[in-house]
Amino acid sequence: MEAASAETWTYDGATWARLTDAGPRRRFPQLMFDSAAGGVLLYGGFDREPSNELWRLRGSAWERLFPAAP
């Protein structure tokens, strides 16, 4: 089975760049852009077990939305 990854990359139309804020480590998460939420949303996926976490990437920083961060 593939290893989970926490890497996040951006593309500006010419160059790929790796973000320093790696974000959540997941295999097979669902991602979408949501203009109302102001960024990219990441839901679920697997690390060691299935996840129900919801994360938002705004700019270059990840923020956990659900369950609320401690």
PDB file of N, CA and C in Angstrom:
ATOM      1  N   MET A   1       0.842  -1.174   0.000  1.00  0.00           N
ATOM      2  CA  MET A   1       0.000   0.000   0.000  1.00  0.00           C
ATOM      3  C   MET A   1       0.890   1.242   0.000  1.00  0.00           C
ATOM      4  N   GLU A   2       0.444   2.273  -0.693  1.00  0.00           N
ATOM      5  CA  GLU A   2       1.201   3.515  -0.761  1.00  0.00           C
ATOM      6  C   GLU A   2       1.285   4.183   0.602  1.00  0.00           C
ATOM      7  N   ALA A   3       2.406   4.833   0.865  1.00  0.00           N
ATOM      8  CA  ALA A   3       2.569   5.575   2.117  1.00  0.00           C
ATOM      9  C   ALA A   3       1.764   6.867   2.059  1.00  0.00           C
ATOM     10  N   ALA A   4       1.238   7.270   3.212  1.00  0.00           N
ATOM     11  CA  ALA A   4       0.518   8.539   3.296  1.00  0.00           C
ATOM     12  C   ALA A   4       1.503   9.684   3.116  1.00  0.00           C
ATOM     13  N   SER A   5       1.025  10.776   2.534  1.00  0.00           N
ATOM     14  CA  SER A   5       1.891  11.926   2.291  1.00  0.00           C
ATOM     15  C   SER A   5       1.294  13.172   2.917  1.00  0.00           C
ATOM     16  N   ALA A   6       2.155  14.065   3.376  1.00  0.00           N
ATOM     17  CA  ALA A   6       1.719  15.351   3.918  1.00  0.00           C
ATOM     18  C   ALA A   6       2.193  16.503   3.037  1.00  0.00           C
ATOM     19  N   GLU A   7       2.770  16.185   1.876  1.00  0.00           N
ATOM     20  CA  GLU A   7       3.275  17.240   1.004  1.00  0.00           C
ATOM     21  C   GLU A   7       2.134  17.991   0.329  1.00  0.00           C
ATOM     22  N   THR A   8       2.304  19.296   0.203  1.00  0.00           N
ATOM     23  CA  THR A   8       1.371  20.134  -0.540  1.00  0.00           C
ATOM     24  C   THR A   8       2.179  20.955  -1.531  1.00  0.00           C
ATOM     25  N   TRP A   9       1.741  20.927  -2.791  1.00  0.00           N
ATOM     26  CA  TRP A   9       2.424  21.646  -3.859  1.00  0.00           C
ATOM     27  C   TRP A   9       1.475  22.647  -4.493  1.00  0.00           C
ATOM     28  N   THR A  10       2.017  23.784  -4.941  1.00  0.00           N
ATOM     29  CA  THR A  10       1.232  24.780  -5.673  1.00  0.00           C
ATOM     30  C   THR A  10       1.814  24.924  -7.080  1.00  0.00           C
ATOM     31  N   TYR A  11       0.966  25.383  -7.994  1.00  0.00           N
ATOM     32  CA  TYR A  11       1.380  25.582  -9.379  1.00  0.00           C
ATOM     33  C   TYR A  11       0.880  26.937  -9.835  1.00  0.00           C
ATOM     34  N   ASP A  12       1.770  27.776 -10.346  1.00  0.00           N
ATOM     35  CA  ASP A  12       1.391  29.127 -10.771  1.00  0.00           C
ATOM     36  C   ASP A  12       1.216  29.254 -12.283  1.00  0.00           C
ATOM     37  N   GLY A  13       1.129  28.136 -12.980  1.00  0.00           N
ATOM     38  CA  GLY A  13       1.002  28.148 -14.425  1.00  0.00           C
ATOM     39  C   GLY A  13       2.320  27.898 -15.135  1.00  0.00           C
ATOM     40  N   ALA A  14       3.425  28.015 -14.399  1.00  0.00           N
ATOM     41  CA  ALA A  14       4.744  27.788 -14.986  1.00  0.00           C
ATOM     42  C   ALA A  14       5.646  26.938 -14.101  1.00  0.00           C
ATOM     43  N   THR A  15       5.498  27.069 -12.783  1.00  0.00           N
ATOM     44  CA  THR A  15       6.425  26.428 -11.854  1.00  0.00           C
ATOM     45  C   THR A  15       5.681  25.771 -10.697  1.00  0.00           C
ATOM     46  N   TRP A  16       6.115  24.558 -10.320  1.00  0.00           N
ATOM     47  CA  TRP A  16       5.618  23.890  -9.121  1.00  0.00           C
ATOM     48  C   TRP A  16       6.479  24.301  -7.934  1.00  0.00           C
ATOM     49  N   ALA A  17       5.835  24.499  -6.772  1.00  0.00           N
ATOM     50  CA  ALA A  17       6.566  24.844  -5.544  1.00  0.00           C
ATOM     51  C   ALA A  17       5.960  24.077  -4.377  1.00  0.00           C
ATOM     52  N   ARG A  18       6.814  23.544  -3.521  1.00  0.00           N
ATOM     53  CA  ARG A  18       6.363  22.801  -2.339  1.00  0.00           C
ATOM     54  C   ARG A  18       6.160  23.775  -1.186  1.00  0.00           C
ATOM     55  N   LEU A  19       4.981  23.700  -0.535  1.00  0.00           N
ATOM     56  CA  LEU A  19       4.707  24.555   0.618  1.00  0.00           C
ATOM     57  C   LEU A  19       5.461  24.048   1.834  1.00  0.00           C
ATOM     58  N   THR A  20       5.885  24.965   2.698  1.00  0.00           N
ATOM     59  CA  THR A  20       6.599  24.561   3.908  1.00  0.00           C
ATOM     60  C   THR A  20       5.644  24.014   4.954  1.00  0.00           C
ATOM     61  N   ASP A  21       4.377  24.497   4.993  1.00  0.00           N
ATOM     62  CA  ASP A  21       3.362  23.960   5.905  1.00  0.00           C
ATOM     63  C   ASP A  21       2.774  22.724   5.243  1.00  0.00           C
ATOM     64  N   ALA A  22       3.240  21.554   5.657  1.00  0.00           N
ATOM     65  CA  ALA A  22       2.914  20.317   4.958  1.00  0.00           C
ATOM     66  C   ALA A  22       1.438  19.945   5.009  1.00  0.00           C
ATOM     67  N   GLY A  23       0.738  20.246   6.086  1.00  0.00           N
ATOM     68  CA  GLY A  23      -0.662  19.863   6.179  1.00  0.00           C
ATOM     69  C   GLY A  23      -0.843  18.448   6.687  1.00  0.00           C
ATOM     70  N   PRO A  24      -2.083  17.955   6.627  1.00  0.00           N
ATOM     71  CA  PRO A  24      -2.377  16.633   7.183  1.00  0.00           C
ATOM     72  C   PRO A  24      -1.818  15.511   6.314  1.00  0.00           C
ATOM     73  N   ARG A  25      -1.310  14.476   6.972  1.00  0.00           N
ATOM     74  CA  ARG A  25      -0.783  13.297   6.267  1.00  0.00           C
ATOM     75  C   ARG A  25      -1.960  12.392   5.913  1.00  0.00           C
ATOM     76  N   ARG A  26      -2.174  12.186   4.612  1.00  0.00           N
ATOM     77  CA  ARG A  26      -3.314  11.388   4.160  1.00  0.00           C
ATOM     78  C   ARG A  26      -2.986  10.615   2.888  1.00  0.00           C
ATOM     79  N   ARG A  27      -3.710   9.513   2.716  1.00  0.00           N
ATOM     80  CA  ARG A  27      -3.800   8.806   1.440  1.00  0.00           C
ATOM     81  C   ARG A  27      -5.227   8.966   0.964  1.00  0.00           C
ATOM     82  N   PHE A  28      -5.414   9.249  -0.285  1.00  0.00           N
ATOM     83  CA  PHE A  28      -6.722   9.299  -0.950  1.00  0.00           C
ATOM     84  C   PHE A  28      -7.727  10.274  -0.331  1.00  0.00           C
ATOM     85  N   PRO A  29      -7.314  11.483   0.044  1.00  0.00           N
ATOM     86  CA  PRO A  29      -8.292  12.451   0.548  1.00  0.00           C
ATOM     87  C   PRO A  29      -9.096  13.034  -0.612  1.00  0.00           C
ATOM     88  N   GLN A  30     -10.204  13.667  -0.297  1.00  0.00           N
ATOM     89  CA  GLN A  30     -11.002  14.399  -1.275  1.00  0.00           C
ATOM     90  C   GLN A  30     -10.625  15.872  -1.168  1.00  0.00           C
ATOM     91  N   LEU A  31     -10.373  16.519  -2.293  1.00  0.00           N
ATOM     92  CA  LEU A  31      -9.988  17.932  -2.308  1.00  0.00           C
ATOM     93  C   LEU A  31     -10.906  18.698  -3.247  1.00  0.00           C
ATOM     94  N   MET A  32     -11.191  19.938  -2.880  1.00  0.00           N
ATOM     95  CA  MET A  32     -11.972  20.814  -3.754  1.00  0.00           C
ATOM     96  C   MET A  32     -11.660  22.260  -3.427  1.00  0.00           C
ATOM     97  N   PHE A  33     -11.833  23.139  -4.409  1.00  0.00           N
ATOM     98  CA  PHE A  33     -11.706  24.565  -4.152  1.00  0.00           C
ATOM     99  C   PHE A  33     -13.085  25.094  -3.813  1.00  0.00           C
ATOM    100  N   ASP A  34     -13.187  25.870  -2.737  1.00  0.00           N
ATOM    101  CA  ASP A  34     -14.453  26.464  -2.301  1.00  0.00           C
ATOM    102  C   ASP A  34     -14.238  27.961  -2.122  1.00  0.00           C
ATOM    103  N   SER A  35     -14.773  28.759  -3.048  1.00  0.00           N
ATOM    104  CA  SER A  35     -14.572  30.210  -2.963  1.00  0.00           C
ATOM    105  C   SER A  35     -15.245  30.791  -1.731  1.00  0.00           C
ATOM    106  N   ALA A  36     -16.373  30.208  -1.284  1.00  0.00           N
ATOM    107  CA  ALA A  36     -17.050  30.699  -0.077  1.00  0.00           C
ATOM    108  C   ALA A  36     -16.197  30.458   1.168  1.00  0.00           C
ATOM    109  N   ALA A  37     -15.481  29.339   1.202  1.00  0.00           N
ATOM    110  CA  ALA A  37     -14.612  29.027   2.340  1.00  0.00           C
ATOM    111  C   ALA A  37     -13.265  29.727   2.212  1.00  0.00           C
ATOM    112  N   GLY A  38     -12.995  30.267   1.050  1.00  0.00           N
ATOM    113  CA  GLY A  38     -11.759  31.015   0.855  1.00  0.00           C
ATOM    114  C   GLY A  38     -10.522  30.171   0.688  1.00  0.00           C
ATOM    115  N   GLY A  39     -10.669  28.977   0.124  1.00  0.00           N
ATOM    116  CA  GLY A  39      -9.482  28.161  -0.091  1.00  0.00           C
ATOM    117  C   GLY A  39      -9.808  26.754  -0.532  1.00  0.00           C
ATOM    118  N   VAL A  40      -8.811  25.897  -0.472  1.00  0.00           N
ATOM    119  CA  VAL A  40      -8.946  24.491  -0.827  1.00  0.00           C
ATOM    120  C   VAL A  40      -9.357  23.716   0.416  1.00  0.00           C
ATOM    121  N   LEU A  41     -10.369  22.854   0.274  1.00  0.00           N
ATOM    122  CA  LEU A  41     -10.811  22.001   1.377  1.00  0.00           C
ATOM    123  C   LEU A  41     -10.315  20.585   1.154  1.00  0.00           C
ATOM    124  N   LEU A  42      -9.870  19.955   2.224  1.00  0.00           N
ATOM    125  CA  LEU A  42      -9.436  18.565   2.209  1.00  0.00           C
ATOM    126  C   LEU A  42     -10.291  17.820   3.218  1.00  0.00           C
ATOM    127  N   TYR A  43     -10.913  16.711   2.773  1.00  0.00           N
ATOM    128  CA  TYR A  43     -11.753  15.918   3.667  1.00  0.00           C
ATOM    129  C   TYR A  43     -11.331  14.458   3.624  1.00  0.00           C
ATOM    130  N   GLY A  44     -11.338  13.848   4.804  1.00  0.00           N
ATOM    131  CA  GLY A  44     -11.189  12.410   4.911  1.00  0.00           C
ATOM    132  C   GLY A  44      -9.832  11.881   4.512  1.00  0.00           C
ATOM    133  N   GLY A  45      -9.870  10.763   3.829  1.00  0.00           N
ATOM    134  CA  GLY A  45      -8.654  10.050   3.482  1.00  0.00           C
ATOM    135  C   GLY A  45      -8.279   9.080   4.594  1.00  0.00           C
ATOM    136  N   PHE A  46      -7.114   8.499   4.462  1.00  0.00           N
ATOM    137  CA  PHE A  46      -6.632   7.503   5.411  1.00  0.00           C
ATOM    138  C   PHE A  46      -5.215   7.837   5.834  1.00  0.00           C
ATOM    139  N   ASP A  47      -4.903   7.613   7.095  1.00  0.00           N
ATOM    140  CA  ASP A  47      -3.523   7.566   7.555  1.00  0.00           C
ATOM    141  C   ASP A  47      -3.360   6.142   8.044  1.00  0.00           C
ATOM    142  N   ARG A  48      -3.515   5.911   9.312  1.00  0.00           N
ATOM    143  CA  ARG A  48      -3.560   4.530   9.811  1.00  0.00           C
ATOM    144  C   ARG A  48      -4.989   4.014   9.816  1.00  0.00           C
ATOM    145  N   GLU A  49      -5.938   4.937   9.960  1.00  0.00           N
ATOM    146  CA  GLU A  49      -7.366   4.617   9.962  1.00  0.00           C
ATOM    147  C   GLU A  49      -8.083   5.678   9.138  1.00  0.00           C
ATOM    148  N   PRO A  50      -9.350   5.423   8.749  1.00  0.00           N
ATOM    149  CA  PRO A  50     -10.106   6.447   8.032  1.00  0.00           C
ATOM    150  C   PRO A  50     -10.244   7.711   8.880  1.00  0.00           C
ATOM    151  N   SER A  51     -10.266   8.850   8.214  1.00  0.00           N
ATOM    152  CA  SER A  51     -10.369  10.135   8.901  1.00  0.00           C
ATOM    153  C   SER A  51     -11.658  10.846   8.502  1.00  0.00           C
ATOM    154  N   ASN A  52     -12.263  11.561   9.456  1.00  0.00           N
ATOM    155  CA  ASN A  52     -13.416  12.409   9.139  1.00  0.00           C
ATOM    156  C   ASN A  52     -13.051  13.885   9.291  1.00  0.00           C
ATOM    157  N   GLU A  53     -11.759  14.186   9.307  1.00  0.00           N
ATOM    158  CA  GLU A  53     -11.319  15.568   9.491  1.00  0.00           C
ATOM    159  C   GLU A  53     -11.539  16.391   8.225  1.00  0.00           C
ATOM    160  N   LEU A  54     -11.832  17.678   8.446  1.00  0.00           N
ATOM    161  CA  LEU A  54     -11.969  18.651   7.370  1.00  0.00           C
ATOM    162  C   LEU A  54     -10.922  19.730   7.584  1.00  0.00           C
ATOM    163  N   TRP A  55     -10.103  19.999   6.573  1.00  0.00           N
ATOM    164  CA  TRP A  55      -9.023  20.982   6.631  1.00  0.00           C
ATOM    165  C   TRP A  55      -9.219  22.019   5.537  1.00  0.00           C
ATOM    166  N   ARG A  56      -8.719  23.233   5.772  1.00  0.00           N
ATOM    167  CA  ARG A  56      -8.746  24.287   4.754  1.00  0.00           C
ATOM    168  C   ARG A  56      -7.325  24.790   4.529  1.00  0.00           C
ATOM    169  N   LEU A  57      -6.952  24.900   3.262  1.00  0.00           N
ATOM    170  CA  LEU A  57      -5.685  25.521   2.875  1.00  0.00           C
ATOM    171  C   LEU A  57      -6.019  26.915   2.371  1.00  0.00           C
ATOM    172  N   ARG A  58      -5.568  27.902   3.116  1.00  0.00           N
ATOM    173  CA  ARG A  58      -5.788  29.300   2.737  1.00  0.00           C
ATOM    174  C   ARG A  58      -4.416  29.941   2.603  1.00  0.00           C
ATOM    175  N   GLY A  59      -4.082  30.375   1.390  1.00  0.00           N
ATOM    176  CA  GLY A  59      -2.731  30.895   1.157  1.00  0.00           C
ATOM    177  C   GLY A  59      -1.738  29.755   1.230  1.00  0.00           C
ATOM    178  N   SER A  60      -0.879  29.771   2.236  1.00  0.00           N
ATOM    179  CA  SER A  60       0.111  28.698   2.384  1.00  0.00           C
ATOM    180  C   SER A  60       0.006  27.999   3.733  1.00  0.00           C
ATOM    181  N   ALA A  61      -1.133  28.168   4.428  1.00  0.00           N
ATOM    182  CA  ALA A  61      -1.289  27.570   5.762  1.00  0.00           C
ATOM    183  C   ALA A  61      -2.527  26.676   5.826  1.00  0.00           C
ATOM    184  N   TRP A  62      -2.361  25.505   6.432  1.00  0.00           N
ATOM    185  CA  TRP A  62      -3.468  24.584   6.670  1.00  0.00           C
ATOM    186  C   TRP A  62      -4.116  24.882   8.016  1.00  0.00           C
ATOM    187  N   GLU A  63      -5.437  24.749   8.080  1.00  0.00           N
ATOM    188  CA  GLU A  63      -6.197  24.944   9.323  1.00  0.00           C
ATOM    189  C   GLU A  63      -7.225  23.818   9.433  1.00  0.00           C
ATOM    190  N   ARG A  64      -7.250  23.135  10.582  1.00  0.00           N
ATOM    191  CA  ARG A  64      -8.244  22.084  10.782  1.00  0.00           C
ATOM    192  C   ARG A  64      -9.569  22.731  11.164  1.00  0.00           C
ATOM    193  N   LEU A  65     -10.636  22.409  10.417  1.00  0.00           N
ATOM    194  CA  LEU A  65     -11.961  22.970  10.665  1.00  0.00           C
ATOM    195  C   LEU A  65     -12.855  22.027  11.459  1.00  0.00           C
ATOM    196  N   PHE A  66     -12.748  20.706  11.204  1.00  0.00           N
ATOM    197  CA  PHE A  66     -13.580  19.729  11.905  1.00  0.00           C
ATOM    198  C   PHE A  66     -12.784  18.453  12.097  1.00  0.00           C
ATOM    199  N   PRO A  67     -12.862  17.826  13.250  1.00  0.00           N
ATOM    200  CA  PRO A  67     -13.346  18.460  14.476  1.00  0.00           C
ATOM    201  C   PRO A  67     -12.464  19.654  14.807  1.00  0.00           C
ATOM    202  N   ALA A  68     -13.017  20.559  15.572  1.00  0.00           N
ATOM    203  CA  ALA A  68     -12.300  21.793  15.894  1.00  0.00           C
ATOM    204  C   ALA A  68     -10.929  21.477  16.483  1.00  0.00           C
ATOM    205  N   ALA A  69      -9.950  22.266  16.095  1.00  0.00           N
ATOM    206  CA  ALA A  69      -8.592  22.072  16.618  1.00  0.00           C
ATOM    207  C   ALA A  69      -8.573  22.322  18.119  1.00  0.00           C
ATOM    208  N   PRO A  70      -7.790  21.521  18.862  1.00  0.00           N
ATOM    209  CA  PRO A  70      -7.743  21.711  20.325  1.00  0.00           C
ATOM    210  C   PRO A  70      -7.115  23.041  20.714  1.00  0.00           C
TER     211      PRO A  70
END
